[in-house]
């Protein structure tokens, strides 16, 4: 996988993760399997993990964060990244319906991951 600088790296299952972040940006190009960073980042914040909920054969949890944008902006893309210890890797990137965030405003992003047994 590529880090945010575009260099190829391998991540092992026992890698120490130092930061997990929710990211927002203004890019509008559709996501591809080759994405390794947001197209045009506006800001990021620490990601929070919700409790695991099990219902029948489904297990789910939420990764979320509220990003404050000092200068404001139009959010068109969101993502989730991890840092291992020095390099950062984008694991999720989505293009969303544009949301205008005023200066000093906050944009909350939530990913819900659902796994079925």
PDB file of N, CA and C in Angstrom:
ATOM      1  N   UNK A   1       0.840  -1.162   0.000  1.00  0.00           N
ATOM      2  CA  UNK A   1       0.000   0.000   0.000  1.00  0.00           C
ATOM      3  C   UNK A   1       0.889   1.230   0.000  1.00  0.00           C
ATOM      4  N   UNK A   2       0.338   2.360  -0.481  1.00  0.00           N
ATOM      5  CA  UNK A   2       1.117   3.599  -0.539  1.00  0.00           C
ATOM      6  C   UNK A   2       0.850   4.450   0.700  1.00  0.00           C
ATOM      7  N   UNK A   3       1.913   5.089   1.215  1.00  0.00           N
ATOM      8  CA  UNK A   3       1.706   6.027   2.315  1.00  0.00           C
ATOM      9  C   UNK A   3       1.228   7.355   1.738  1.00  0.00           C
ATOM     10  N   UNK A   4       0.951   8.345   2.598  1.00  0.00           N
ATOM     11  CA  UNK A   4       0.407   9.617   2.126  1.00  0.00           C
ATOM     12  C   UNK A   4       1.379  10.358   1.223  1.00  0.00           C
ATOM     13  N   UNK A   5       2.657   9.989   1.251  1.00  0.00           N
ATOM     14  CA  UNK A   5       3.641  10.588   0.359  1.00  0.00           C
ATOM     15  C   UNK A   5       3.746   9.879  -0.979  1.00  0.00           C
ATOM     16  N   UNK A   6       3.038   8.743  -1.131  1.00  0.00           N
ATOM     17  CA  UNK A   6       3.023   8.023  -2.390  1.00  0.00           C
ATOM     18  C   UNK A   6       4.011   6.870  -2.474  1.00  0.00           C
ATOM     19  N   UNK A   7       4.800   6.624  -1.408  1.00  0.00           N
ATOM     20  CA  UNK A   7       5.769   5.528  -1.416  1.00  0.00           C
ATOM     21  C   UNK A   7       5.088   4.208  -1.046  1.00  0.00           C
ATOM     22  N   UNK A   8       5.496   3.115  -1.693  1.00  0.00           N
ATOM     23  CA  UNK A   8       4.933   1.797  -1.410  1.00  0.00           C
ATOM     24  C   UNK A   8       5.515   1.219  -0.118  1.00  0.00           C
ATOM     25  N   UNK A   9       4.636   0.631   0.725  1.00  0.00           N
ATOM     26  CA  UNK A   9       5.035   0.014   1.987  1.00  0.00           C
ATOM     27  C   UNK A   9       4.173  -1.217   2.226  1.00  0.00           C
ATOM     28  N   UNK A  10       4.677  -2.128   3.029  1.00  0.00           N
ATOM     29  CA  UNK A  10       3.894  -3.276   3.478  1.00  0.00           C
ATOM     30  C   UNK A  10       3.597  -3.094   4.959  1.00  0.00           C
ATOM     31  N   UNK A  11       2.389  -3.453   5.377  1.00  0.00           N
ATOM     32  CA  UNK A  11       2.008  -3.358   6.786  1.00  0.00           C
ATOM     33  C   UNK A  11       1.704  -4.759   7.273  1.00  0.00           C
ATOM     34  N   UNK A  12       2.330  -5.171   8.367  1.00  0.00           N
ATOM     35  CA  UNK A  12       2.070  -6.488   8.926  1.00  0.00           C
ATOM     36  C   UNK A  12       0.968  -6.385   9.980  1.00  0.00           C
ATOM     37  N   UNK A  13       0.364  -7.500  10.304  1.00  0.00           N
ATOM     38  CA  UNK A  13      -0.745  -7.514  11.260  1.00  0.00           C
ATOM     39  C   UNK A  13      -0.320  -7.071  12.641  1.00  0.00           C
ATOM     40  N   UNK A  14       0.944  -7.187  12.985  1.00  0.00           N
ATOM     41  CA  UNK A  14       1.400  -6.817  14.319  1.00  0.00           C
ATOM     42  C   UNK A  14       2.035  -5.433  14.355  1.00  0.00           C
ATOM     43  N   UNK A  15       1.801  -4.641  13.330  1.00  0.00           N
ATOM     44  CA  UNK A  15       2.386  -3.304  13.260  1.00  0.00           C
ATOM     45  C   UNK A  15       1.829  -2.425  14.374  1.00  0.00           C
ATOM     46  N   UNK A  16       2.696  -1.623  14.988  1.00  0.00           N
ATOM     47  CA  UNK A  16       2.229  -0.707  16.020  1.00  0.00           C
ATOM     48  C   UNK A  16       1.632   0.528  15.346  1.00  0.00           C
ATOM     49  N   UNK A  17       0.403   0.817  15.686  1.00  0.00           N
ATOM     50  CA  UNK A  17      -0.329   1.941  15.116  1.00  0.00           C
ATOM     51  C   UNK A  17      -0.300   3.075  16.135  1.00  0.00           C
ATOM     52  N   UNK A  18       0.193   4.253  15.730  1.00  0.00           N
ATOM     53  CA  UNK A  18       0.308   5.346  16.687  1.00  0.00           C
ATOM     54  C   UNK A  18      -0.813   6.371  16.573  1.00  0.00           C
ATOM     55  N   UNK A  19      -1.414   6.556  15.410  1.00  0.00           N
ATOM     56  CA  UNK A  19      -2.506   7.509  15.228  1.00  0.00           C
ATOM     57  C   UNK A  19      -3.523   6.964  14.252  1.00  0.00           C
ATOM     58  N   UNK A  20      -4.792   7.213  14.540  1.00  0.00           N
ATOM     59  CA  UNK A  20      -5.878   6.893  13.625  1.00  0.00           C
ATOM     60  C   UNK A  20      -6.659   8.181  13.439  1.00  0.00           C
ATOM     61  N   UNK A  21      -6.925   8.554  12.183  1.00  0.00           N
ATOM     62  CA  UNK A  21      -7.506   9.866  11.915  1.00  0.00           C
ATOM     63  C   UNK A  21      -8.660   9.811  10.922  1.00  0.00           C
ATOM     64  N   UNK A  22      -9.633  10.685  11.156  1.00  0.00           N
ATOM     65  CA  UNK A  22     -10.674  10.992  10.189  1.00  0.00           C
ATOM     66  C   UNK A  22     -10.192  12.220   9.433  1.00  0.00           C
ATOM     67  N   UNK A  23     -10.284  12.191   8.111  1.00  0.00           N
ATOM     68  CA  UNK A  23      -9.805  13.299   7.268  1.00  0.00           C
ATOM     69  C   UNK A  23     -10.945  13.808   6.396  1.00  0.00           C
ATOM     70  N   UNK A  24     -10.929  15.112   6.108  1.00  0.00           N
ATOM     71  CA  UNK A  24     -11.907  15.699   5.184  1.00  0.00           C
ATOM     72  C   UNK A  24     -11.163  16.535   4.158  1.00  0.00           C
ATOM     73  N   UNK A  25     -11.733  16.609   2.944  1.00  0.00           N
ATOM     74  CA  UNK A  25     -11.093  17.373   1.884  1.00  0.00           C
ATOM     75  C   UNK A  25     -12.116  17.938   0.922  1.00  0.00           C
ATOM     76  N   UNK A  26     -11.627  18.706  -0.029  1.00  0.00           N
ATOM     77  CA  UNK A  26     -12.512  19.357  -0.994  1.00  0.00           C
ATOM     78  C   UNK A  26     -12.441  18.728  -2.386  1.00  0.00           C
ATOM     79  N   UNK A  27     -11.652  17.679  -2.560  1.00  0.00           N
ATOM     80  CA  UNK A  27     -11.526  17.035  -3.867  1.00  0.00           C
ATOM     81  C   UNK A  27     -12.819  16.366  -4.285  1.00  0.00           C
ATOM     82  N   UNK A  28     -13.058  16.321  -5.597  1.00  0.00           N
ATOM     83  CA  UNK A  28     -14.304  15.732  -6.088  1.00  0.00           C
ATOM     84  C   UNK A  28     -14.085  14.593  -7.072  1.00  0.00           C
ATOM     85  N   UNK A  29     -12.827  14.220  -7.326  1.00  0.00           N
ATOM     86  CA  UNK A  29     -12.554  13.097  -8.220  1.00  0.00           C
ATOM     87  C   UNK A  29     -12.998  11.802  -7.537  1.00  0.00           C
ATOM     88  N   UNK A  30     -13.693  10.952  -8.259  1.00  0.00           N
ATOM     89  CA  UNK A  30     -14.178   9.698  -7.690  1.00  0.00           C
ATOM     90  C   UNK A  30     -13.059   8.849  -7.104  1.00  0.00           C
ATOM     91  N   UNK A  31     -13.402   8.060  -6.105  1.00  0.00           N
ATOM     92  CA  UNK A  31     -12.400   7.212  -5.467  1.00  0.00           C
ATOM     93  C   UNK A  31     -12.008   6.053  -6.384  1.00  0.00           C
ATOM     94  N   UNK A  32     -10.752   5.599  -6.222  1.00  0.00           N
ATOM     95  CA  UNK A  32     -10.231   4.460  -6.975  1.00  0.00           C
ATOM     96  C   UNK A  32      -9.441   3.568  -6.031  1.00  0.00           C
ATOM     97  N   UNK A  33      -9.178   2.319  -6.416  1.00  0.00           N
ATOM     98  CA  UNK A  33      -8.353   1.447  -5.572  1.00  0.00           C
ATOM     99  C   UNK A  33      -6.926   1.968  -5.390  1.00  0.00           C
ATOM    100  N   UNK A  34      -6.486   2.887  -6.244  1.00  0.00           N
ATOM    101  CA  UNK A  34      -5.130   3.417  -6.161  1.00  0.00           C
ATOM    102  C   UNK A  34      -5.000   4.644  -5.263  1.00  0.00           C
ATOM    103  N   UNK A  35      -6.085   5.127  -4.669  1.00  0.00           N
ATOM    104  CA  UNK A  35      -6.018   6.309  -3.809  1.00  0.00           C
ATOM    105  C   UNK A  35      -5.119   6.040  -2.604  1.00  0.00           C
ATOM    106  N   UNK A  36      -4.243   6.983  -2.308  1.00  0.00           N
ATOM    107  CA  UNK A  36      -3.381   6.857  -1.131  1.00  0.00           C
ATOM    108  C   UNK A  36      -3.407   8.107  -0.264  1.00  0.00           C
ATOM    109  N   UNK A  37      -4.142   9.143  -0.685  1.00  0.00           N
ATOM    110  CA  UNK A  37      -4.343  10.353   0.097  1.00  0.00           C
ATOM    111  C   UNK A  37      -5.595  11.038  -0.426  1.00  0.00           C
ATOM    112  N   UNK A  38      -6.100  12.006   0.343  1.00  0.00           N
ATOM    113  CA  UNK A  38      -7.220  12.792  -0.156  1.00  0.00           C
ATOM    114  C   UNK A  38      -6.712  13.667  -1.289  1.00  0.00           C
ATOM    115  N   UNK A  39      -7.596  13.995  -2.203  1.00  0.00           N
ATOM    116  CA  UNK A  39      -7.206  14.822  -3.340  1.00  0.00           C
ATOM    117  C   UNK A  39      -6.783  16.221  -2.881  1.00  0.00           C
ATOM    118  N   UNK A  40      -7.543  16.806  -1.956  1.00  0.00           N
ATOM    119  CA  UNK A  40      -7.263  18.164  -1.484  1.00  0.00           C
ATOM    120  C   UNK A  40      -7.718  18.282  -0.036  1.00  0.00           C
ATOM    121  N   UNK A  41      -6.821  17.973   0.899  1.00  0.00           N
ATOM    122  CA  UNK A  41      -7.188  17.889   2.310  1.00  0.00           C
ATOM    123  C   UNK A  41      -7.456  19.259   2.932  1.00  0.00           C
ATOM    124  N   UNK A  42      -8.549  19.311   3.720  1.00  0.00           N
ATOM    125  CA  UNK A  42      -8.901  20.519   4.468  1.00  0.00           C
ATOM    126  C   UNK A  42      -8.527  20.397   5.944  1.00  0.00           C
ATOM    127  N   UNK A  43      -8.556  19.176   6.481  1.00  0.00           N
ATOM    128  CA  UNK A  43      -8.227  18.994   7.895  1.00  0.00           C
ATOM    129  C   UNK A  43      -8.438  17.565   8.340  1.00  0.00           C
ATOM    130  N   UNK A  44      -8.067  17.290   9.596  1.00  0.00           N
ATOM    131  CA  UNK A  44      -8.243  15.945  10.161  1.00  0.00           C
ATOM    132  C   UNK A  44      -8.373  16.042  11.674  1.00  0.00           C
ATOM    133  N   UNK A  45      -8.806  14.936  12.274  1.00  0.00           N
ATOM    134  CA  UNK A  45      -8.935  14.838  13.714  1.00  0.00           C
ATOM    135  C   UNK A  45      -8.730  13.387  14.120  1.00  0.00           C
ATOM    136  N   UNK A  46      -8.521  13.154  15.413  1.00  0.00           N
ATOM    137  CA  UNK A  46      -8.382  11.786  15.914  1.00  0.00           C
ATOM    138  C   UNK A  46      -9.682  11.020  15.695  1.00  0.00           C
ATOM    139  N   UNK A  47      -9.555   9.766  15.337  1.00  0.00           N
ATOM    140  CA  UNK A  47     -10.725   8.913  15.131  1.00  0.00           C
ATOM    141  C   UNK A  47     -11.117   8.253  16.447  1.00  0.00           C
ATOM    142  N   UNK A  48     -12.407   8.123  16.655  1.00  0.00           N
ATOM    143  CA  UNK A  48     -12.937   7.419  17.831  1.00  0.00           C
ATOM    144  C   UNK A  48     -13.634   6.153  17.340  1.00  0.00           C
ATOM    145  N   UNK A  49     -13.516   5.083  18.128  1.00  0.00           N
ATOM    146  CA  UNK A  49     -14.132   3.812  17.774  1.00  0.00           C
ATOM    147  C   UNK A  49     -15.293   3.529  18.710  1.00  0.00           C
ATOM    148  N   UNK A  50     -16.457   3.214  18.116  1.00  0.00           N
ATOM    149  CA  UNK A  50     -17.617   2.855  18.919  1.00  0.00           C
ATOM    150  C   UNK A  50     -17.547   1.402  19.350  1.00  0.00           C
ATOM    151  N   UNK A  51     -18.444   1.022  20.238  1.00  0.00           N
ATOM    152  CA  UNK A  51     -18.513  -0.354  20.708  1.00  0.00           C
ATOM    153  C   UNK A  51     -18.916  -1.288  19.577  1.00  0.00           C
ATOM    154  N   UNK A  52     -18.474  -2.525  19.677  1.00  0.00           N
ATOM    155  CA  UNK A  52     -18.881  -3.554  18.715  1.00  0.00           C
ATOM    156  C   UNK A  52     -20.281  -4.019  19.095  1.00  0.00           C
ATOM    157  N   UNK A  53     -21.173  -4.036  18.107  1.00  0.00           N
ATOM    158  CA  UNK A  53     -22.551  -4.474  18.316  1.00  0.00           C
ATOM    159  C   UNK A  53     -22.756  -5.738  17.494  1.00  0.00           C
ATOM    160  N   UNK A  54     -23.235  -6.792  18.155  1.00  0.00           N
ATOM    161  CA  UNK A  54     -23.488  -8.065  17.484  1.00  0.00           C
ATOM    162  C   UNK A  54     -24.986  -8.297  17.458  1.00  0.00           C
ATOM    163  N   UNK A  55     -25.494  -8.601  16.260  1.00  0.00           N
ATOM    164  CA  UNK A  55     -26.908  -8.896  16.086  1.00  0.00           C
ATOM    165  C   UNK A  55     -27.029 -10.037  15.084  1.00  0.00           C
ATOM    166  N   UNK A  56     -27.390 -11.197  15.560  1.00  0.00           N
ATOM    167  CA  UNK A  56     -27.469 -12.366  14.679  1.00  0.00           C
ATOM    168  C   UNK A  56     -26.106 -12.665  14.095  1.00  0.00           C
ATOM    169  N   UNK A  57     -26.027 -12.713  12.765  1.00  0.00           N
ATOM    170  CA  UNK A  57     -24.761 -13.002  12.093  1.00  0.00           C
ATOM    171  C   UNK A  57     -23.948 -11.745  11.810  1.00  0.00           C
ATOM    172  N   UNK A  58     -24.469 -10.575  12.165  1.00  0.00           N
ATOM    173  CA  UNK A  58     -23.775  -9.316  11.886  1.00  0.00           C
ATOM    174  C   UNK A  58     -23.074  -8.751  13.113  1.00  0.00           C
ATOM    175  N   UNK A  59     -21.873  -8.254  12.883  1.00  0.00           N
ATOM    176  CA  UNK A  59     -21.138  -7.496  13.889  1.00  0.00           C
ATOM    177  C   UNK A  59     -20.794  -6.167  13.250  1.00  0.00           C
ATOM    178  N   UNK A  60     -20.921  -5.070  14.013  1.00  0.00           N
ATOM    179  CA  UNK A  60     -20.611  -3.769  13.442  1.00  0.00           C
ATOM    180  C   UNK A  60     -20.001  -2.844  14.486  1.00  0.00           C
ATOM    181  N   UNK A  61     -19.251  -1.864  13.994  1.00  0.00           N
ATOM    182  CA  UNK A  61     -18.732  -0.802  14.855  1.00  0.00           C
ATOM    183  C   UNK A  61     -18.573   0.439  13.996  1.00  0.00           C
ATOM    184  N   UNK A  62     -18.457   1.577  14.659  1.00  0.00           N
ATOM    185  CA  UNK A  62     -18.369   2.857  13.966  1.00  0.00           C
ATOM    186  C   UNK A  62     -17.035   3.523  14.269  1.00  0.00           C
ATOM    187  N   UNK A  63     -16.442   4.109  13.231  1.00  0.00           N
ATOM    188  CA  UNK A  63     -15.243   4.938  13.342  1.00  0.00           C
ATOM    189  C   UNK A  63     -15.702   6.352  13.014  1.00  0.00           C
ATOM    190  N   UNK A  64     -15.461   7.308  13.922  1.00  0.00           N
ATOM    191  CA  UNK A  64     -15.975   8.653  13.679  1.00  0.00           C
ATOM    192  C   UNK A  64     -15.020   9.725  14.187  1.00  0.00           C
ATOM    193  N   UNK A  65     -15.304  10.944  13.770  1.00  0.00           N
ATOM    194  CA  UNK A  65     -14.536  12.093  14.227  1.00  0.00           C
ATOM    195  C   UNK A  65     -15.184  13.377  13.753  1.00  0.00           C
ATOM    196  N   UNK A  66     -15.006  14.447  14.527  1.00  0.00           N
ATOM    197  CA  UNK A  66     -15.545  15.762  14.185  1.00  0.00           C
ATOM    198  C   UNK A  66     -14.369  16.683  13.877  1.00  0.00           C
ATOM    199  N   UNK A  67     -14.259  17.096  12.618  1.00  0.00           N
ATOM    200  CA  UNK A  67     -13.141  17.924  12.157  1.00  0.00           C
ATOM    201  C   UNK A  67     -13.572  19.391  12.161  1.00  0.00           C
ATOM    202  N   UNK A  68     -12.846  20.232  12.895  1.00  0.00           N
ATOM    203  CA  UNK A  68     -13.115  21.670  12.909  1.00  0.00           C
ATOM    204  C   UNK A  68     -12.271  22.331  11.831  1.00  0.00           C
ATOM    205  N   UNK A  69     -12.916  23.140  11.001  1.00  0.00           N
ATOM    206  CA  UNK A  69     -12.227  23.820   9.907  1.00  0.00           C
ATOM    207  C   UNK A  69     -12.144  25.313  10.211  1.00  0.00           C
ATOM    208  N   UNK A  70     -10.972  25.768  10.644  1.00  0.00           N
ATOM    209  CA  UNK A  70     -10.781  27.174  11.015  1.00  0.00           C
ATOM    210  C   UNK A  70     -11.173  28.113   9.881  1.00  0.00           C
ATOM    211  N   UNK A  71     -10.774  27.772   8.656  1.00  0.00           N
ATOM    212  CA  UNK A  71     -11.070  28.627   7.502  1.00  0.00           C
ATOM    213  C   UNK A  71     -12.371  28.233   6.811  1.00  0.00           C
ATOM    214  N   UNK A  72     -13.018  27.164   7.255  1.00  0.00           N
ATOM    215  CA  UNK A  72     -14.212  26.675   6.583  1.00  0.00           C
ATOM    216  C   UNK A  72     -13.865  26.028   5.254  1.00  0.00           C
ATOM    217  N   UNK A  73     -14.872  25.682   4.485  1.00  0.00           N
ATOM    218  CA  UNK A  73     -14.648  25.075   3.177  1.00  0.00           C
ATOM    219  C   UNK A  73     -15.789  24.157   2.799  1.00  0.00           C
ATOM    220  N   UNK A  74     -15.746  23.652   1.588  1.00  0.00           N
ATOM    221  CA  UNK A  74     -16.750  22.704   1.108  1.00  0.00           C
ATOM    222  C   UNK A  74     -16.142  21.308   1.133  1.00  0.00           C
ATOM    223  N   UNK A  75     -16.695  20.449   1.980  1.00  0.00           N
ATOM    224  CA  UNK A  75     -16.212  19.072   2.115  1.00  0.00           C
ATOM    225  C   UNK A  75     -16.871  18.227   1.044  1.00  0.00           C
ATOM    226  N   UNK A  76     -16.041  17.600   0.204  1.00  0.00           N
ATOM    227  CA  UNK A  76     -16.532  16.724  -0.869  1.00  0.00           C
ATOM    228  C   UNK A  76     -15.944  15.318  -0.766  1.00  0.00           C
ATOM    229  N   UNK A  77     -14.930  15.142   0.098  1.00  0.00           N
ATOM    230  CA  UNK A  77     -14.301  13.829   0.266  1.00  0.00           C
ATOM    231  C   UNK A  77     -13.969  13.628   1.730  1.00  0.00           C
ATOM    232  N   UNK A  78     -14.026  12.370   2.167  1.00  0.00           N
ATOM    233  CA  UNK A  78     -13.701  12.013   3.543  1.00  0.00           C
ATOM    234  C   UNK A  78     -12.829  10.766   3.520  1.00  0.00           C
ATOM    235  N   UNK A  79     -12.106  10.536   4.608  1.00  0.00           N
ATOM    236  CA  UNK A  79     -11.256   9.362   4.660  1.00  0.00           C
ATOM    237  C   UNK A  79     -10.890   8.976   6.071  1.00  0.00           C
ATOM    238  N   UNK A  80     -10.264   7.802   6.186  1.00  0.00           N
ATOM    239  CA  UNK A  80      -9.768   7.278   7.460  1.00  0.00           C
ATOM    240  C   UNK A  80      -8.343   6.804   7.232  1.00  0.00           C
ATOM    241  N   UNK A  81      -7.421   7.229   8.110  1.00  0.00           N
ATOM    242  CA  UNK A  81      -6.015   6.842   7.961  1.00  0.00           C
ATOM    243  C   UNK A  81      -5.454   6.331   9.277  1.00  0.00           C
ATOM    244  N   UNK A  82      -4.363   5.572   9.155  1.00  0.00           N
ATOM    245  CA  UNK A  82      -3.611   5.105  10.324  1.00  0.00           C
ATOM    246  C   UNK A  82      -2.154   5.506  10.144  1.00  0.00           C
ATOM    247  N   UNK A  83      -1.456   5.646  11.263  1.00  0.00           N
ATOM    248  CA  UNK A  83      -0.032   5.964  11.214  1.00  0.00           C
ATOM    249  C   UNK A  83       0.741   4.838  11.872  1.00  0.00           C
ATOM    250  N   UNK A  84       1.771   4.395  11.196  1.00  0.00           N
ATOM    251  CA  UNK A  84       2.622   3.295  11.671  1.00  0.00           C
ATOM    252  C   UNK A  84       4.052   3.716  11.608  1.00  0.00           C
ATOM    253  N   UNK A  85       4.742   3.751  12.648  1.00  0.00           N
ATOM    254  CA  UNK A  85       4.958   4.873  13.538  1.00  0.00           C
ATOM    255  C   UNK A  85       5.304   6.171  12.818  1.00  0.00           C
ATOM    256  N   UNK A  86       5.987   6.140  11.682  1.00  0.00           N
ATOM    257  CA  UNK A  86       6.354   7.407  11.040  1.00  0.00           C
ATOM    258  C   UNK A  86       5.534   7.706   9.799  1.00  0.00           C
ATOM    259  N   UNK A  87       5.031   6.696   9.144  1.00  0.00           N
ATOM    260  CA  UNK A  87       4.326   6.876   7.881  1.00  0.00           C
ATOM    261  C   UNK A  87       2.823   6.704   8.071  1.00  0.00           C
ATOM    262  N   UNK A  88       2.054   7.462   7.307  1.00  0.00           N
ATOM    263  CA  UNK A  88       0.609   7.414   7.419  1.00  0.00           C
ATOM    264  C   UNK A  88       0.004   6.796   6.165  1.00  0.00           C
ATOM    265  N   UNK A  89      -1.045   5.978   6.367  1.00  0.00           N
ATOM    266  CA  UNK A  89      -1.676   5.244   5.279  1.00  0.00           C
ATOM    267  C   UNK A  89      -3.175   5.507   5.265  1.00  0.00           C
ATOM    268  N   UNK A  90      -3.714   5.835   4.102  1.00  0.00           N
ATOM    269  CA  UNK A  90      -5.142   6.054   3.931  1.00  0.00           C
ATOM    270  C   UNK A  90      -5.807   4.705   3.681  1.00  0.00           C
ATOM    271  N   UNK A  91      -6.731   4.311   4.560  1.00  0.00           N
ATOM    272  CA  UNK A  91      -7.415   3.030   4.405  1.00  0.00           C
ATOM    273  C   UNK A  91      -8.771   3.166   3.732  1.00  0.00           C
ATOM    274  N   UNK A  92      -9.444   4.286   3.957  1.00  0.00           N
ATOM    275  CA  UNK A  92     -10.764   4.517   3.375  1.00  0.00           C
ATOM    276  C   UNK A  92     -10.803   5.911   2.768  1.00  0.00           C
ATOM    277  N   UNK A  93     -11.436   6.047   1.606  1.00  0.00           N
ATOM    278  CA  UNK A  93     -11.667   7.365   0.996  1.00  0.00           C
ATOM    279  C   UNK A  93     -12.984   7.301   0.247  1.00  0.00           C
ATOM    280  N   UNK A  94     -13.833   8.281   0.473  1.00  0.00           N
ATOM    281  CA  UNK A  94     -15.122   8.353  -0.200  1.00  0.00           C
ATOM    282  C   UNK A  94     -15.392   9.779  -0.648  1.00  0.00           C
ATOM    283  N   UNK A  95     -16.024   9.903  -1.813  1.00  0.00           N
ATOM    284  CA  UNK A  95     -16.506  11.195  -2.292  1.00  0.00           C
ATOM    285  C   UNK A  95     -17.963  11.278  -1.854  1.00  0.00           C
ATOM    286  N   UNK A  96     -18.330  12.409  -1.232  1.00  0.00           N
ATOM    287  CA  UNK A  96     -19.657  12.565  -0.646  1.00  0.00           C
ATOM    288  C   UNK A  96     -20.383  13.760  -1.249  1.00  0.00           C
ATOM    289  N   UNK A  97     -21.665  13.864  -0.977  1.00  0.00           N
ATOM    290  CA  UNK A  97     -22.434  15.045  -1.362  1.00  0.00           C
ATOM    291  C   UNK A  97     -21.797  16.250  -0.680  1.00  0.00           C
ATOM    292  N   UNK A  98     -21.531  17.335  -1.403  1.00  0.00           N
ATOM    293  CA  UNK A  98     -20.846  18.488  -0.809  1.00  0.00           C
ATOM    294  C   UNK A  98     -21.560  19.047   0.422  1.00  0.00           C
ATOM    295  N   UNK A  99     -20.760  19.365   1.439  1.00  0.00           N
ATOM    296  CA  UNK A  99     -21.247  19.975   2.674  1.00  0.00           C
ATOM    297  C   UNK A  99     -20.449  21.245   2.891  1.00  0.00           C
ATOM    298  N   UNK A 100     -21.128  22.391   2.954  1.00  0.00           N
ATOM    299  CA  UNK A 100     -20.452  23.669   3.197  1.00  0.00           C
ATOM    300  C   UNK A 100     -20.286  23.848   4.698  1.00  0.00           C
ATOM    301  N   UNK A 101     -19.027  24.013   5.134  1.00  0.00           N
ATOM    302  CA  UNK A 101     -18.715  24.209   6.542  1.00  0.00           C
ATOM    303  C   UNK A 101     -18.233  25.647   6.711  1.00  0.00           C
ATOM    304  N   UNK A 102     -18.903  26.434   7.557  1.00  0.00           N
ATOM    305  CA  UNK A 102     -18.481  27.828   7.743  1.00  0.00           C
ATOM    306  C   UNK A 102     -17.156  27.893   8.512  1.00  0.00           C
ATOM    307  N   UNK A 103     -16.485  29.028   8.444  1.00  0.00           N
ATOM    308  CA  UNK A 103     -15.239  29.223   9.192  1.00  0.00           C
ATOM    309  C   UNK A 103     -15.479  28.920  10.664  1.00  0.00           C
ATOM    310  N   UNK A 104     -14.627  28.072  11.239  1.00  0.00           N
ATOM    311  CA  UNK A 104     -14.760  27.672  12.641  1.00  0.00           C
ATOM    312  C   UNK A 104     -15.786  26.579  12.860  1.00  0.00           C
ATOM    313  N   UNK A 105     -16.441  26.130  11.786  1.00  0.00           N
ATOM    314  CA  UNK A 105     -17.459  25.096  11.889  1.00  0.00           C
ATOM    315  C   UNK A 105     -16.867  23.699  11.942  1.00  0.00           C
ATOM    316  N   UNK A 106     -17.707  22.734  12.228  1.00  0.00           N
ATOM    317  CA  UNK A 106     -17.284  21.339  12.396  1.00  0.00           C
ATOM    318  C   UNK A 106     -18.023  20.436  11.420  1.00  0.00           C
ATOM    319  N   UNK A 107     -17.300  19.479  10.881  1.00  0.00           N
ATOM    320  CA  UNK A 107     -17.866  18.454  10.001  1.00  0.00           C
ATOM    321  C   UNK A 107     -17.655  17.100  10.681  1.00  0.00           C
ATOM    322  N   UNK A 108     -18.740  16.393  10.980  1.00  0.00           N
ATOM    323  CA  UNK A 108     -18.652  15.086  11.632  1.00  0.00           C
ATOM    324  C   UNK A 108     -18.753  13.985  10.583  1.00  0.00           C
ATOM    325  N   UNK A 109     -17.814  13.042  10.641  1.00  0.00           N
ATOM    326  CA  UNK A 109     -17.763  11.916   9.712  1.00  0.00           C
ATOM    327  C   UNK A 109     -17.899  10.634  10.523  1.00  0.00           C
ATOM    328  N   UNK A 110     -18.725   9.713  10.045  1.00  0.00           N
ATOM    329  CA  UNK A 110     -18.877   8.420  10.709  1.00  0.00           C
ATOM    330  C   UNK A 110     -18.892   7.314   9.663  1.00  0.00           C
ATOM    331  N   UNK A 111     -18.000   6.357   9.819  1.00  0.00           N
ATOM    332  CA  UNK A 111     -17.990   5.137   9.007  1.00  0.00           C
ATOM    333  C   UNK A 111     -18.526   4.019   9.879  1.00  0.00           C
ATOM    334  N   UNK A 112     -19.531   3.296   9.405  1.00  0.00           N
ATOM    335  CA  UNK A 112     -20.015   2.113  10.105  1.00  0.00           C
ATOM    336  C   UNK A 112     -19.607   0.899   9.297  1.00  0.00           C
ATOM    337  N   UNK A 113     -18.803   0.049   9.901  1.00  0.00           N
ATOM    338  CA  UNK A 113     -18.336  -1.165   9.247  1.00  0.00           C
ATOM    339  C   UNK A 113     -19.157  -2.331   9.754  1.00  0.00           C
ATOM    340  N   UNK A 114     -19.728  -3.102   8.819  1.00  0.00           N
ATOM    341  CA  UNK A 114     -20.587  -4.239   9.153  1.00  0.00           C
ATOM    342  C   UNK A 114     -19.955  -5.510   8.588  1.00  0.00           C
ATOM    343  N   UNK A 115     -19.815  -6.502   9.449  1.00  0.00           N
ATOM    344  CA  UNK A 115     -19.237  -7.787   9.054  1.00  0.00           C
ATOM    345  C   UNK A 115     -20.295  -8.871   9.274  1.00  0.00           C
ATOM    346  N   UNK A 116     -20.458  -9.742   8.280  1.00  0.00           N
ATOM    347  CA  UNK A 116     -21.433 -10.815   8.358  1.00  0.00           C
ATOM    348  C   UNK A 116     -20.711 -12.151   8.372  1.00  0.00           C
ATOM    349  N   UNK A 117     -21.082 -12.997   9.343  1.00  0.00           N
ATOM    350  CA  UNK A 117     -20.449 -14.315   9.468  1.00  0.00           C
ATOM    351  C   UNK A 117     -21.124 -15.302   8.516  1.00  0.00           C
TER     352      UNK A 117
END
